[in-house]
Each structure stands twice: as structure tokens, then as C-alpha cells.
Amino acid sequence: MMESVGHNVLIVEPEGDTTRALLETLAARGIRGVVAADLKQAEERFEAGRWDLVLCDLSAPGGGLEIVRRIKNREPELPVVLLADACDRETTVRAVREGCDDVLSKPVQREALEALLDRLVPAHPVPSADAADTDVPAPYRIVGRSPRLREAVTLARKVAPTSVAVLLCGESGTGKELFAHLVHHASRRSRGPYLRVNCAAVSETLLESELFGHERGAFTGAVAQRKGRFELADGGTLLLDEITETGVRLQAELLRVLEQQDFERLGGSQRVRVNVRVVSTTNRDLARLVREGAFRSDLYYRLAGVRIHIPPLRHRREDIPVLAWHFINQFARETRRRITRLDPEMMDLFYQYDWPGNVRQLRNLVRTALILGEGEVLSLTEAPWLLAELAPANPLPPPRSLLLKDVERRTILEALRITDSHQAKAAGLLGISDRTLREKLRRWREAYGLDREEQEQWIKAPA
């Protein structure tokens, strides 16, 4: 099941008249507003939902700036706007220091609030692959609508409440760390620590110290005792990123920790007992490495209590427009651009590209396009090197599924041009029902971010 996520604004405001005015303006734009009267209610409401914006009164019981401080500590990227009776220089400076994105004078003018919503609220809500992620911050959401992605999310949700070790497999950039966060967030350990170690980033000697800690004098430079990640993650989850980069000796140590839940710090003799759930990731074929003797089979079976495969982006192309909008919503605020639609030519390239860097590559590309471009249409016209990167050097015939989609689209567009966009006549020419044609046009509007008027212009454009 997918959840189509709308816009949600948390209003921390004790005054009834101001609250009603804010709710009316939000409702007129199809935005859901939820009210909290004080600090306690604000924390309860904040923890219970996912928010696109927070409007907080400076005079709210419990302290408006204290509420802002706590929200920003929890979710630094969430836009927060302070409402104040007097927007003097001192108030504005204090608000900015606490992380506020803007300050509005009370009584709040409708035009000022609408301009603020245009700037700070995402232009395009996106569907989540996880219907239960209503309280997950935007950077950790798993976004998409493809069956393969939903299957992986469902499996992660099933194993999360257990203590079984989880192995996340997938190419670089597919979002394995998001799944690790989901497993922790949906587990009974969610209030405990969540720590990550990149096994590929440090040498084996340093990695051993990073994982297990060391005693004073254990090696040159060890001037004090240091706790390792296993000890710091006690009661929570430890993510071992790229586990295949560990050497055979360290693999033996990891196996013992997983089996006995205790270890010795480097240079120590006292055993440290911990209660840690281990989630591991790899972008390599771990089963093949086991067969080749490059990875211990007993450790593999311990780590792979449940194995979850994260599909590459080329195997879930229907998620590309959804992900593009997700990243637009994330980064449009920092680039001060409001995007209302996606360039159809750019999207054609996106659909045909193989995405060796997967979702991470798409994220970086969208961010670059946002920074370099202008206007309300996201395109790559200001980044010709990206166009060259996306276009294959030696174009091959597209896969049959893509070819059929392209033929279908061109045929429908031609029928609409012949009939001057009369949908009933076009459907008759095509031999399909009006309802089928309307549904296909609706899907195109969603994919390309077009409104009906823009779709008409697109239909009339040369093929």
C-alpha cells in the first residue's frame, strides 16, 4: 500500500483569532493545519506526524523560541517561521540564531502568509513506499511507488520488531542506509542509539579500534581509554556499512561479538557485554565471496538472518518522477526556486538512462539543475555536460517495453492533434474507451508535473 502524502503545517499558537485566520488560508490551498497551544502539545503533535512547515508564536506558553530550538534539534532542515507581535531587529536576530527561516508580524496578513507558503512549502507532494512512515523526517523517507520497492519496504517492516540481524544488498546509491534507518526506527530499539561505521573508509587496524574501542596505552597515540561503536550502540542498532571490506581476522572478531554479545577493548582483558542489533550493507555479491573464500561463511549466515535486496533505479523507472519531485522538495528552498513542472525532454532522457549511480546520482543531478537553472520548469538546459552524460555515446535500440510505451504515447498524441484535443473523438480513433484515454493523460500529467493547460500545449507541440 502506498500513502499519497499531502502538505501538513504545525501551528503553535494560543490565540484563537490568529489560529482561525491561519487555518483558513491553509485550507484554501489544500494544506492541512494542526494546532498546538503550548510547548507540551507542540512536542506531542510534532512527534506524532510529519511536517512541511511549523508556524510558532513567540509568546506561546513554554516559550516560542524554546519550541523552535527543540524542533530544530530534532529536524534541522524543517522550515520554521516565528510569529511575533513586534518584528523588531532584536526579535528577528534572536529568531535567526535559533534557526528560524523567517519572522511574520501579527496580525498575519494573508498575502504575506501565501508568499511564505510559496517559498517554503514543497510544490509537489510525493507518494511514499511505506504507508507507516508518517513520523519519519523527509531525508529518511523511502519514496516511490514501484512494486519492487514496496516489497523491500514490507520485508524491512516485518523484520524490524525482531532482533534478527539484517543484511541489506544493493548497488551503490540505491538507498541501503535509508532501509537501515527504517529497520531501527520501526524496532523496539528506536529510542536507543543508532550508529554507523563505514568499513571501507578506514584501515583494518583503525576499524578494529573504531568498533571495539581501546585501553590507554594499547598503541602509540592511545593516551586515554576510548569506547568503541559496539559499546556506544548498546541498547540500539549498529550499521556496518560495506561489511565485505573487512579482513578475515576482523571477521572472526565480529563473529564472536554477534554470537556472544561481548568483546574486549584493544589492549584490555576485561570483557564488555553489550546488547546490540547489527544491520549490514554490501554492494557486492556476498554469497559469491563466501564461495571464493574471501568472506567467512559462518559470519555470512550470522549477518544474513534476513537478506533484503534493494532494487537499482533502472529496475524501477516508474519511481524516477516521484524521486525527482522528492529531491526538488528537499532542495528548492536552498536555491530559492519554486518548481511547478518537469521538462518533458529531460524526463525522456531520465527514463531511458541506466543510472549507474542510482538514486544518489539522480539526487545530485536534480540538485545541480536546481542551482544552475532559472524559472519554474526544472530542466538541464543550463547544464549541457549533464545532457551529454545522460545521452548514450552509442545509442542502442531501446528495450521492447520502452519502445512500446514510446509508440503508444506518440500515437495518442497524434490522435489528439488530429481531433484538436477532442478526447472522445481521439479515443474513437484509437479504439479505446474515453476512460482509458483520460487515465493515460492523468498519468502523464503526474509524471511530468503538468497542469491541464500545459498538457494542451504539450499535445500541440511538434512530435
Protein backbone atom coordinates (compact mmCIF):
# COMPACT_ATOMS: atom_id res chain seq x y z
CA MET A 1 0.00 0.00 0.00
CA MET A 2 1.26 3.49 -0.81
CA GLU A 3 0.44 6.65 1.01
CA SER A 4 -0.03 9.79 -1.03
CA VAL A 5 1.44 12.44 1.20
CA GLY A 6 -0.23 15.87 1.32
CA HIS A 7 1.11 19.04 2.94
CA ASN A 8 0.98 19.40 6.73
CA VAL A 9 1.68 22.53 8.77
CA LEU A 10 2.04 22.56 12.56
CA ILE A 11 0.69 25.77 14.13
CA VAL A 12 1.87 26.58 17.68
CA GLU A 13 -0.47 29.44 18.53
CA PRO A 14 -2.51 30.12 21.71
CA GLU A 15 -4.71 32.88 20.21
CA GLY A 16 -7.98 31.71 18.67
CA ASP A 17 -8.39 34.54 16.14
CA THR A 18 -4.88 34.13 14.73
CA THR A 19 -5.30 30.35 14.61
CA ARG A 20 -8.57 30.59 12.65
CA ALA A 21 -7.04 33.01 10.13
CA LEU A 22 -4.05 30.73 9.59
CA LEU A 23 -6.21 27.62 9.19
CA GLU A 24 -8.47 29.37 6.65
CA THR A 25 -5.52 30.41 4.48
CA LEU A 26 -4.00 26.93 4.64
CA ALA A 27 -7.31 25.20 3.87
CA ALA A 28 -7.83 27.42 0.81
CA ARG A 29 -4.60 25.96 -0.59
CA GLY A 30 -5.45 22.37 0.33
CA ILE A 31 -2.94 22.31 3.19
CA ARG A 32 -3.76 20.55 6.47
CA GLY A 33 -3.11 22.64 9.57
CA VAL A 34 -2.77 21.09 13.04
CA VAL A 35 -2.85 23.33 16.12
CA ALA A 36 -0.86 23.09 19.36
CA ALA A 37 -1.48 25.62 22.14
CA ASP A 38 1.75 25.24 24.14
CA LEU A 39 5.15 23.55 24.40
CA LYS A 40 3.78 20.22 25.65
CA GLN A 41 1.17 19.94 22.89
CA ALA A 42 3.71 21.08 20.29
CA GLU A 43 6.09 18.26 21.22
CA GLU A 44 3.27 15.69 21.20
CA ARG A 45 1.93 16.82 17.81
CA PHE A 46 5.43 17.08 16.34
CA GLU A 47 6.36 13.53 17.34
CA ALA A 48 3.04 12.15 16.03
CA GLY A 49 3.27 13.44 12.45
CA ARG A 50 5.42 14.54 9.52
CA TRP A 51 5.51 18.26 8.81
CA ASP A 52 6.33 20.51 5.88
CA LEU A 53 6.36 23.74 7.92
CA VAL A 54 5.99 24.96 11.51
CA LEU A 55 4.42 28.32 12.41
CA CYS A 56 5.26 29.18 16.03
CA ASP A 57 4.09 32.15 18.11
CA LEU A 58 6.87 33.86 20.07
CA SER A 59 4.51 34.18 23.06
CA ALA A 60 3.36 30.52 23.07
CA PRO A 61 3.27 29.02 26.61
CA GLY A 62 6.57 27.29 27.25
CA GLY A 63 8.42 29.85 25.13
CA GLY A 64 8.23 30.23 21.37
CA LEU A 65 12.00 30.24 20.92
CA GLU A 66 12.36 27.19 23.16
CA ILE A 67 9.83 25.36 20.96
CA VAL A 68 11.78 26.41 17.86
CA ARG A 69 15.03 25.22 19.45
CA ARG A 70 13.62 21.76 20.23
CA ILE A 71 12.10 21.33 16.77
CA LYS A 72 15.34 22.35 15.05
CA ASN A 73 17.33 19.94 17.23
CA ARG A 74 15.00 17.15 16.14
CA GLU A 75 14.77 18.07 12.44
CA PRO A 76 17.25 20.79 11.37
CA GLU A 77 16.03 21.00 7.74
CA LEU A 78 12.36 21.61 8.60
CA PRO A 79 11.28 25.21 7.84
CA VAL A 80 10.16 27.07 10.99
CA VAL A 81 8.61 30.56 10.97
CA LEU A 82 8.19 32.69 14.10
CA LEU A 83 5.01 34.76 14.59
CA ALA A 84 5.59 37.91 16.66
CA ASP A 85 3.60 40.98 17.67
CA ALA A 86 6.64 43.16 17.05
CA CYS A 87 9.12 42.15 14.35
CA ASP A 88 11.88 44.46 15.56
CA ARG A 89 15.55 43.88 14.79
CA GLU A 90 16.26 42.21 18.15
CA THR A 91 13.42 39.68 17.72
CA THR A 92 14.49 38.86 14.18
CA VAL A 93 18.13 38.33 15.19
CA ARG A 94 17.12 36.04 18.08
CA ALA A 95 14.83 34.05 15.78
CA VAL A 96 17.51 33.59 13.13
CA ARG A 97 20.02 32.47 15.78
CA GLU A 98 17.61 29.73 16.84
CA GLY A 99 17.27 28.56 13.23
CA CYS A 100 14.04 30.26 12.13
CA ASP A 101 13.64 30.65 8.39
CA ASP A 102 11.52 33.79 8.65
CA VAL A 103 9.53 36.02 11.02
CA LEU A 104 5.95 37.19 10.37
CA SER A 105 4.29 40.13 12.10
CA LYS A 106 0.93 39.64 13.82
CA PRO A 107 -1.77 40.06 12.81
CA VAL A 108 -0.59 37.89 9.92
CA GLN A 109 -1.55 39.28 6.52
CA ARG A 110 -2.96 36.68 4.12
CA GLU A 111 -0.73 37.87 1.27
CA ALA A 112 2.40 37.58 3.43
CA LEU A 113 1.46 34.06 4.53
CA GLU A 114 0.73 32.96 0.95
CA ALA A 115 4.08 34.32 -0.24
CA LEU A 116 5.77 32.42 2.57
CA LEU A 117 3.93 29.20 1.66
CA ASP A 118 5.02 29.60 -1.97
CA ARG A 119 8.62 29.83 -0.80
CA LEU A 120 8.79 27.24 1.97
CA VAL A 121 6.17 24.54 1.38
CA PRO A 122 7.04 21.81 -1.17
CA ALA A 123 5.33 22.40 -4.51
CA HIS A 124 4.54 18.78 -5.21
CA PRO A 125 3.63 16.09 -2.62
CA VAL A 126 5.11 12.67 -3.36
CA PRO A 127 3.92 9.13 -2.62
CA SER A 128 5.77 7.12 -0.01
CA ALA A 129 6.65 3.46 -0.46
CA ASP A 130 5.99 3.00 3.26
CA ALA A 131 2.45 3.69 4.46
CA ALA A 132 3.61 3.62 8.10
CA ASP A 133 6.28 6.35 7.82
CA THR A 134 4.09 9.27 8.94
CA ASP A 135 6.62 10.37 11.58
CA VAL A 136 9.79 9.83 9.54
CA PRO A 137 11.76 13.03 8.71
CA ALA A 138 11.90 13.81 4.98
CA PRO A 139 15.61 12.95 4.49
CA TYR A 140 14.94 9.39 5.73
CA ARG A 141 11.74 8.71 3.78
CA ILE A 142 11.75 5.89 1.25
CA VAL A 143 9.95 7.41 -1.72
CA GLY A 144 8.44 5.56 -4.66
CA ARG A 145 5.50 3.56 -5.95
CA SER A 146 7.11 0.58 -7.71
CA PRO A 147 6.13 -2.96 -6.61
CA ARG A 148 9.79 -4.00 -6.16
CA LEU A 149 10.46 -1.14 -3.78
CA ARG A 150 7.26 -1.77 -1.82
CA GLU A 151 8.20 -5.45 -1.44
CA ALA A 152 11.56 -4.48 0.08
CA VAL A 153 9.90 -1.98 2.43
CA THR A 154 7.30 -4.54 3.52
CA LEU A 155 10.04 -7.06 4.34
CA ALA A 156 12.01 -4.44 6.30
CA ARG A 157 8.88 -3.57 8.30
CA LYS A 158 8.27 -7.26 9.05
CA VAL A 159 11.73 -7.92 10.47
CA ALA A 160 12.14 -4.57 12.26
CA PRO A 161 10.38 -5.55 15.55
CA THR A 162 12.55 -8.68 15.91
CA SER A 163 16.20 -8.92 16.99
CA VAL A 164 17.37 -10.78 13.87
CA ALA A 165 20.44 -9.45 12.03
CA VAL A 166 19.62 -7.85 8.66
CA LEU A 167 21.79 -7.80 5.53
CA LEU A 168 20.90 -5.08 3.00
CA CYS A 169 22.17 -5.83 -0.51
CA GLY A 170 22.16 -3.49 -3.48
CA GLU A 171 24.26 -1.37 -5.79
CA SER A 172 25.87 1.85 -4.59
CA GLY A 173 23.38 4.69 -4.33
CA THR A 174 20.21 2.57 -4.08
CA GLY A 175 19.34 3.75 -0.56
CA LYS A 176 20.55 0.93 1.67
CA GLU A 177 21.17 3.31 4.56
CA LEU A 178 17.55 4.53 4.39
CA PHE A 179 16.43 0.93 4.86
CA ALA A 180 18.82 0.54 7.80
CA HIS A 181 17.27 3.63 9.37
CA LEU A 182 13.79 2.18 8.74
CA VAL A 183 14.71 -1.11 10.46
CA HIS A 184 15.96 0.82 13.51
CA HIS A 185 13.13 3.36 13.56
CA ALA A 186 10.43 0.64 13.39
CA SER A 187 12.08 -1.57 16.02
CA ARG A 188 11.74 -1.79 19.80
CA ARG A 189 15.20 -0.20 19.91
CA SER A 190 14.07 3.01 18.21
CA ARG A 191 14.71 5.11 21.33
CA GLY A 192 18.20 3.66 21.66
CA PRO A 193 21.32 4.80 19.76
CA TYR A 194 21.72 4.32 16.02
CA LEU A 195 25.35 4.38 14.90
CA ARG A 196 27.03 3.79 11.55
CA VAL A 197 30.53 2.57 10.71
CA ASN A 198 31.84 2.71 7.14
CA CYS A 199 34.03 -0.40 6.96
CA ALA A 200 35.54 0.73 3.64
CA ALA A 201 36.69 4.13 4.89
CA VAL A 202 39.46 3.12 7.34
CA SER A 203 42.25 0.57 7.59
CA GLU A 204 41.58 -2.72 9.37
CA THR A 205 43.68 -1.71 12.41
CA LEU A 206 41.79 1.55 12.85
CA LEU A 207 38.48 -0.20 12.15
CA GLU A 208 39.12 -2.66 14.99
CA SER A 209 39.67 0.25 17.39
CA GLU A 210 36.62 2.05 15.97
CA LEU A 211 34.39 -0.97 16.58
CA PHE A 212 35.71 -2.28 19.91
CA GLY A 213 37.47 0.72 21.46
CA HIS A 214 40.85 0.65 23.19
CA GLU A 215 42.51 1.00 26.56
CA ARG A 216 45.06 3.65 27.39
CA GLY A 217 48.47 2.63 26.04
CA ALA A 218 47.04 -0.01 23.68
CA PHE A 219 49.10 1.51 20.85
CA THR A 220 51.09 4.64 20.09
CA GLY A 221 48.81 7.62 20.48
CA ALA A 222 46.26 5.84 22.71
CA VAL A 223 46.55 8.37 25.56
CA ALA A 224 43.14 7.57 27.07
CA GLN A 225 40.54 4.83 27.15
CA ARG A 226 38.07 5.07 24.26
CA LYS A 227 34.75 3.30 23.86
CA GLY A 228 34.07 1.66 20.50
CA ARG A 229 30.92 1.74 18.41
CA PHE A 230 29.63 -1.58 19.76
CA GLU A 231 29.77 -0.20 23.29
CA LEU A 232 28.26 3.16 22.31
CA ALA A 233 25.42 1.39 20.42
CA ASP A 234 24.42 -0.69 23.47
CA GLY A 235 20.61 -0.96 23.52
CA GLY A 236 20.34 0.22 19.93
CA THR A 237 21.40 -0.56 16.37
CA LEU A 238 24.84 -0.60 14.74
CA LEU A 239 25.05 -0.27 10.95
CA LEU A 240 28.13 -1.92 9.43
CA ASP A 241 28.30 -0.25 6.02
CA GLU A 242 30.10 -2.22 3.26
CA ILE A 243 30.80 -5.20 5.52
CA THR A 244 32.64 -7.03 2.71
CA GLU A 245 35.60 -4.64 3.11
CA THR A 246 36.61 -6.25 6.43
CA GLY A 247 39.60 -8.59 6.59
CA VAL A 248 39.47 -12.23 7.68
CA ARG A 249 40.92 -11.54 11.18
CA LEU A 250 38.38 -8.84 11.94
CA GLN A 251 35.61 -11.07 10.59
CA ALA A 252 36.49 -13.61 13.32
CA GLU A 253 36.15 -10.89 15.98
CA LEU A 254 32.81 -9.78 14.56
CA LEU A 255 31.53 -13.35 14.58
CA ARG A 256 32.36 -13.71 18.27
CA VAL A 257 30.60 -10.44 19.15
CA LEU A 258 27.49 -11.49 17.24
CA GLU A 259 27.44 -14.91 18.91
CA GLN A 260 28.31 -13.88 22.47
CA GLN A 261 27.39 -10.16 22.57
CA ASP A 262 30.64 -9.34 24.35
CA PHE A 263 34.22 -8.34 23.45
CA GLU A 264 37.48 -6.93 24.79
CA ARG A 265 38.73 -3.45 24.02
CA LEU A 266 42.12 -3.33 22.27
CA GLY A 267 44.83 -3.65 24.90
CA GLY A 268 42.32 -4.78 27.53
CA SER A 269 41.49 -8.05 29.26
CA GLN A 270 38.05 -7.29 30.70
CA ARG A 271 35.09 -8.42 28.62
CA VAL A 272 32.47 -5.78 27.84
CA ARG A 273 28.91 -7.06 27.50
CA VAL A 274 26.51 -5.33 25.09
CA ASN A 275 23.05 -5.72 23.60
CA VAL A 276 23.33 -4.51 20.00
CA ARG A 277 21.40 -5.29 16.85
CA VAL A 278 23.62 -5.39 13.76
CA VAL A 279 22.45 -4.28 10.32
CA SER A 280 24.98 -4.71 7.49
CA THR A 281 25.14 -3.47 3.91
CA THR A 282 27.05 -4.58 0.84
CA ASN A 283 27.15 -3.63 -2.83
CA ARG A 284 28.91 -6.89 -3.75
CA ASP A 285 27.76 -10.48 -4.24
CA LEU A 286 28.45 -11.71 -0.72
CA ALA A 287 27.41 -15.31 -1.44
CA ARG A 288 30.00 -15.44 -4.25
CA LEU A 289 32.69 -14.05 -1.93
CA VAL A 290 31.86 -16.82 0.54
CA ARG A 291 32.24 -19.45 -2.20
CA GLU A 292 35.59 -17.95 -3.19
CA GLY A 293 36.82 -17.99 0.42
CA ALA A 294 37.08 -14.18 0.65
CA PHE A 295 34.42 -13.95 3.36
CA ARG A 296 33.71 -16.29 6.27
CA SER A 297 30.64 -18.43 5.68
CA ASP A 298 29.76 -18.59 9.41
CA LEU A 299 29.80 -14.78 9.65
CA TYR A 300 27.73 -14.52 6.48
CA TYR A 301 24.98 -16.72 7.96
CA ARG A 302 25.04 -14.65 11.16
CA LEU A 303 24.76 -11.35 9.31
CA ALA A 304 22.16 -12.56 6.81
CA GLY A 305 19.45 -13.56 9.27
CA VAL A 306 17.18 -11.77 6.81
CA ARG A 307 18.52 -10.62 3.44
CA ILE A 308 16.80 -7.65 1.78
CA HIS A 309 17.65 -6.70 -1.81
CA ILE A 310 17.22 -3.01 -2.72
CA PRO A 311 16.40 -2.75 -6.46
CA PRO A 312 18.50 -0.46 -8.68
CA LEU A 313 16.80 2.58 -10.18
CA ARG A 314 16.85 1.11 -13.72
CA HIS A 315 14.57 -1.68 -12.43
CA ARG A 316 12.02 0.77 -11.03
CA ARG A 317 11.87 3.55 -13.61
CA GLU A 318 8.32 4.45 -12.58
CA ASP A 319 9.87 5.94 -9.42
CA ILE A 320 12.02 8.45 -11.34
CA PRO A 321 9.50 11.35 -11.46
CA VAL A 322 8.48 10.70 -7.84
CA LEU A 323 12.11 10.84 -6.72
CA ALA A 324 12.77 13.94 -8.82
CA TRP A 325 9.95 15.77 -7.04
CA HIS A 326 11.15 14.46 -3.69
CA PHE A 327 14.58 16.00 -4.24
CA ILE A 328 13.06 19.21 -5.61
CA ASN A 329 11.07 19.50 -2.38
CA GLN A 330 14.27 18.95 -0.39
CA PHE A 331 16.49 21.44 -2.20
CA ALA A 332 14.23 24.09 -3.77
CA ARG A 333 14.28 26.15 -0.58
CA GLU A 334 18.07 26.48 -0.51
CA THR A 335 18.10 27.53 -4.17
CA ARG A 336 15.08 29.86 -3.72
CA ARG A 337 13.29 28.32 -6.71
CA ARG A 338 9.68 27.22 -6.91
CA ILE A 339 9.40 24.40 -9.45
CA THR A 340 5.95 23.71 -10.89
CA ARG A 341 6.78 21.16 -13.59
CA LEU A 342 9.49 18.96 -15.09
CA ASP A 343 10.84 19.47 -18.60
CA PRO A 344 9.42 16.62 -20.78
CA GLU A 345 12.64 16.30 -22.81
CA MET A 346 14.66 15.95 -19.62
CA MET A 347 12.26 13.30 -18.34
CA ASP A 348 12.56 11.35 -21.60
CA LEU A 349 16.32 11.21 -21.02
CA PHE A 350 15.78 10.19 -17.41
CA TYR A 351 13.51 7.30 -18.41
CA GLN A 352 15.99 5.94 -20.97
CA TYR A 353 19.16 6.34 -18.89
CA ASP A 354 20.53 3.35 -16.93
CA TRP A 355 21.55 5.27 -13.77
CA PRO A 356 24.79 3.51 -12.74
CA GLY A 357 24.87 5.75 -9.65
CA ASN A 358 21.20 5.00 -8.91
CA VAL A 359 19.15 7.28 -6.64
CA ARG A 360 22.21 9.14 -5.35
CA GLN A 361 23.12 10.12 -8.92
CA LEU A 362 19.57 11.35 -9.60
CA ARG A 363 19.62 13.33 -6.34
CA ASN A 364 22.86 15.10 -7.26
CA LEU A 365 21.65 15.78 -10.80
CA VAL A 366 18.37 17.34 -9.61
CA ARG A 367 20.23 19.49 -7.11
CA THR A 368 22.65 20.71 -9.80
CA ALA A 369 19.75 21.52 -12.14
CA LEU A 370 18.06 23.49 -9.35
CA ILE A 371 21.19 25.50 -8.62
CA LEU A 372 22.08 26.34 -12.23
CA GLY A 373 18.63 26.80 -13.77
CA GLU A 374 16.06 29.57 -13.57
CA GLY A 375 12.28 29.75 -13.66
CA GLU A 376 9.58 27.29 -12.64
CA VAL A 377 10.50 24.43 -15.02
CA LEU A 378 13.27 22.05 -13.97
CA SER A 379 15.46 21.32 -16.98
CA LEU A 380 19.08 20.67 -17.92
CA THR A 381 19.42 23.50 -20.45
CA GLU A 382 21.94 25.28 -18.20
CA ALA A 383 23.97 22.09 -17.68
CA PRO A 384 24.85 20.78 -21.18
CA TRP A 385 27.52 18.45 -19.77
CA LEU A 386 24.77 16.63 -17.87
CA LEU A 387 22.78 16.25 -21.09
CA ALA A 388 25.87 14.71 -22.70
CA GLU A 389 26.32 12.39 -19.71
CA LEU A 390 22.73 11.15 -19.92
CA ALA A 391 22.78 10.62 -23.69
CA PRO A 392 24.37 7.25 -24.62
CA ALA A 393 27.56 7.52 -26.69
CA ASN A 394 26.42 4.66 -28.95
CA PRO A 395 22.64 4.60 -28.77
CA LEU A 396 21.24 1.09 -28.82
CA PRO A 397 17.67 0.13 -29.74
CA PRO A 398 15.60 0.65 -26.59
CA PRO A 399 14.18 -2.35 -24.73
CA ARG A 400 10.90 -3.58 -26.16
CA SER A 401 8.90 -2.31 -23.16
CA LEU A 402 10.25 1.22 -23.63
CA LEU A 403 9.70 1.11 -27.39
CA LEU A 404 6.05 0.13 -26.96
CA LYS A 405 5.50 2.92 -24.42
CA ASP A 406 7.04 5.44 -26.81
CA VAL A 407 4.93 4.24 -29.74
CA GLU A 408 1.79 4.35 -27.59
CA ARG A 409 2.48 7.89 -26.44
CA ARG A 410 3.23 9.18 -29.94
CA THR A 411 0.09 7.50 -31.30
CA ILE A 412 -2.12 9.03 -28.62
CA LEU A 413 -0.60 12.50 -29.08
CA GLU A 414 -1.11 12.28 -32.85
CA ALA A 415 -4.77 11.27 -32.37
CA LEU A 416 -5.32 14.24 -30.05
CA ARG A 417 -3.69 16.62 -32.54
CA ILE A 418 -5.84 15.31 -35.40
CA THR A 419 -9.03 15.77 -33.34
CA ASP A 420 -7.93 19.14 -31.93
CA SER A 421 -7.73 17.62 -28.42
CA HIS A 422 -11.29 16.25 -28.51
CA GLN A 423 -10.81 13.29 -26.19
CA ALA A 424 -13.94 11.34 -27.18
CA LYS A 425 -13.05 11.56 -30.88
CA ALA A 426 -9.41 10.70 -30.18
CA ALA A 427 -10.46 7.66 -28.14
CA GLY A 428 -12.68 6.56 -31.04
CA LEU A 429 -9.78 6.85 -33.47
CA LEU A 430 -7.58 4.81 -31.15
CA GLY A 431 -10.21 2.18 -30.45
CA ILE A 432 -10.09 2.69 -26.68
CA SER A 433 -12.60 4.00 -24.16
CA ASP A 434 -12.78 7.65 -23.05
CA ARG A 435 -11.95 6.48 -19.52
CA THR A 436 -8.77 4.70 -20.63
CA LEU A 437 -7.58 7.78 -22.50
CA ARG A 438 -8.34 10.08 -19.55
CA GLU A 439 -6.39 7.78 -17.23
CA LYS A 440 -3.33 7.76 -19.52
CA LEU A 441 -3.40 11.56 -19.77
CA ARG A 442 -3.72 11.83 -15.97
CA ARG A 443 -0.65 9.64 -15.50
CA TRP A 444 1.35 11.79 -17.91
CA ARG A 445 0.33 14.95 -16.05
CA GLU A 446 1.53 13.42 -12.78
CA ALA A 447 4.78 12.16 -14.29
CA TYR A 448 5.72 15.48 -15.90
CA GLY A 449 4.12 17.83 -13.35
CA LEU A 450 1.86 19.44 -15.97
CA ASP A 451 -1.45 21.14 -15.36
CA ARG A 452 -4.24 20.74 -17.94
CA GLU A 453 -3.33 23.92 -19.83
CA GLU A 454 0.32 22.89 -20.06
CA GLN A 455 -0.71 19.44 -21.21
CA GLU A 456 -2.67 21.03 -24.07
CA GLN A 457 0.45 22.97 -25.12
CA TRP A 458 2.50 19.77 -24.94
CA ILE A 459 -0.01 17.91 -27.13
CA LYS A 460 0.06 20.67 -29.76
CA ALA A 461 3.88 20.81 -29.85
CA PRO A 462 5.60 19.07 -32.79
CA ALA A 463 6.41 15.40 -32.16
